[in-house]
Amino acid sequence: MKTTLKIQNLKCGGCANTIVNKLNGLNDISKTKVDNTNDSVSFNYENEDNLEEAKALLTKLGYPVVGDKNALTTKAKSFVSCAIGRMQS
């Protein structure tokens, strides 16, 4: 199955790099693409558990799905994830 999720706190290619690397590291998640223009991430997954795991990871990285809680600590995590993504590119 394929999904596209609108996410919060997406800023740049560093963010995108972190998201792609981390999501593709999950079992049964593949073909991850980030669209910075539309603040979205698309990927293939095998079952609903994979989807929920991906959403949880996005939140942990600082990029919760639109409509989910976006606390100041979550926003701060996105800056750290962005910096890591910039260093890895």
Protein backbone atom coordinates (compact mmCIF):
# COMPACT_ATOMS: atom_id res chain seq x y z
CA MET A 1 0.00 0.00 0.00
CA LYS A 2 1.07 3.58 -0.54
CA THR A 3 0.30 6.64 1.55
CA THR A 4 1.06 10.33 1.57
CA LEU A 5 1.08 12.13 4.90
CA LYS A 6 1.08 15.90 5.44
CA ILE A 7 3.63 16.59 8.17
CA GLN A 8 4.58 19.52 10.39
CA ASN A 9 7.95 21.26 10.91
CA LEU A 10 9.42 20.28 7.52
CA LYS A 11 11.97 22.93 6.57
CA CYS A 12 14.57 21.78 4.07
CA GLY A 13 16.56 19.05 2.39
CA GLY A 14 18.26 18.18 5.68
CA CYS A 15 14.87 17.34 7.16
CA ALA A 16 13.99 15.33 4.07
CA ASN A 17 17.26 13.39 4.19
CA THR A 18 16.69 12.38 7.81
CA ILE A 19 13.10 11.34 7.14
CA VAL A 20 14.01 9.23 4.10
CA ASN A 21 16.91 7.50 5.87
CA LYS A 22 14.97 6.75 9.05
CA LEU A 23 11.72 5.60 7.41
CA ASN A 24 13.52 3.39 4.90
CA GLY A 25 15.28 1.79 7.87
CA LEU A 26 11.97 0.43 9.15
CA ASN A 27 10.86 -3.06 8.17
CA ASP A 28 8.27 -3.11 5.38
CA ILE A 29 8.62 0.61 4.56
CA SER A 30 10.03 1.50 1.14
CA LYS A 31 10.15 4.10 -1.62
CA THR A 32 10.06 7.04 0.76
CA LYS A 33 9.85 10.46 -0.88
CA VAL A 34 9.60 13.85 0.79
CA ASP A 35 7.95 16.83 -0.90
CA ASN A 36 9.18 19.99 0.82
CA THR A 37 6.86 22.18 -1.25
CA ASN A 38 3.74 20.40 0.02
CA ASP A 39 5.09 19.44 3.47
CA SER A 40 4.40 15.78 2.78
CA VAL A 41 6.04 12.38 2.87
CA SER A 42 5.01 9.41 0.73
CA PHE A 43 6.00 5.78 1.18
CA ASN A 44 4.93 2.20 0.62
CA TYR A 45 4.04 -0.03 3.57
CA GLU A 46 2.79 -3.58 4.10
CA ASN A 47 0.14 -3.25 6.84
CA GLU A 48 -1.48 -0.83 9.30
CA ASP A 49 1.09 -1.63 12.00
CA ASN A 50 3.84 -0.42 9.62
CA LEU A 51 1.90 2.79 9.00
CA GLU A 52 1.47 3.46 12.71
CA GLU A 53 5.16 2.71 13.32
CA ALA A 54 6.11 5.21 10.61
CA LYS A 55 3.83 7.89 12.10
CA ALA A 56 5.34 7.30 15.54
CA LEU A 57 8.85 7.60 14.13
CA LEU A 58 7.99 10.82 12.32
CA THR A 59 6.73 12.28 15.60
CA LYS A 60 9.86 11.09 17.42
CA LEU A 61 12.00 12.83 14.78
CA GLY A 62 10.00 16.05 15.18
CA TYR A 63 7.69 15.78 12.16
CA PRO A 64 4.21 14.84 13.42
CA VAL A 65 1.35 14.35 11.01
CA VAL A 66 -0.80 17.46 10.51
CA GLY A 67 -3.52 17.44 13.16
CA ASP A 68 -1.34 15.69 15.76
CA LYS A 69 0.10 17.54 18.76
CA ASN A 70 3.09 19.70 17.86
CA ALA A 71 4.61 20.78 21.18
CA LEU A 72 7.64 23.03 21.48
CA THR A 73 9.77 19.98 22.32
CA THR A 74 8.65 18.32 19.09
CA LYS A 75 9.59 21.41 17.11
CA ALA A 76 13.02 21.39 18.78
CA LYS A 77 13.50 17.73 17.79
CA SER A 78 12.87 18.69 14.16
CA PHE A 79 15.79 21.14 14.27
CA VAL A 80 18.10 18.39 15.58
CA SER A 81 16.86 15.96 12.91
CA CYS A 82 17.38 18.62 10.27
CA ALA A 83 20.97 19.23 11.38
CA ILE A 84 21.72 15.50 11.34
CA GLY A 85 20.23 15.22 7.85
CA ARG A 86 22.40 18.08 6.61
CA MET A 87 25.54 16.42 7.97
CA GLN A 88 24.64 13.10 6.33
CA SER A 89 23.98 14.51 2.87
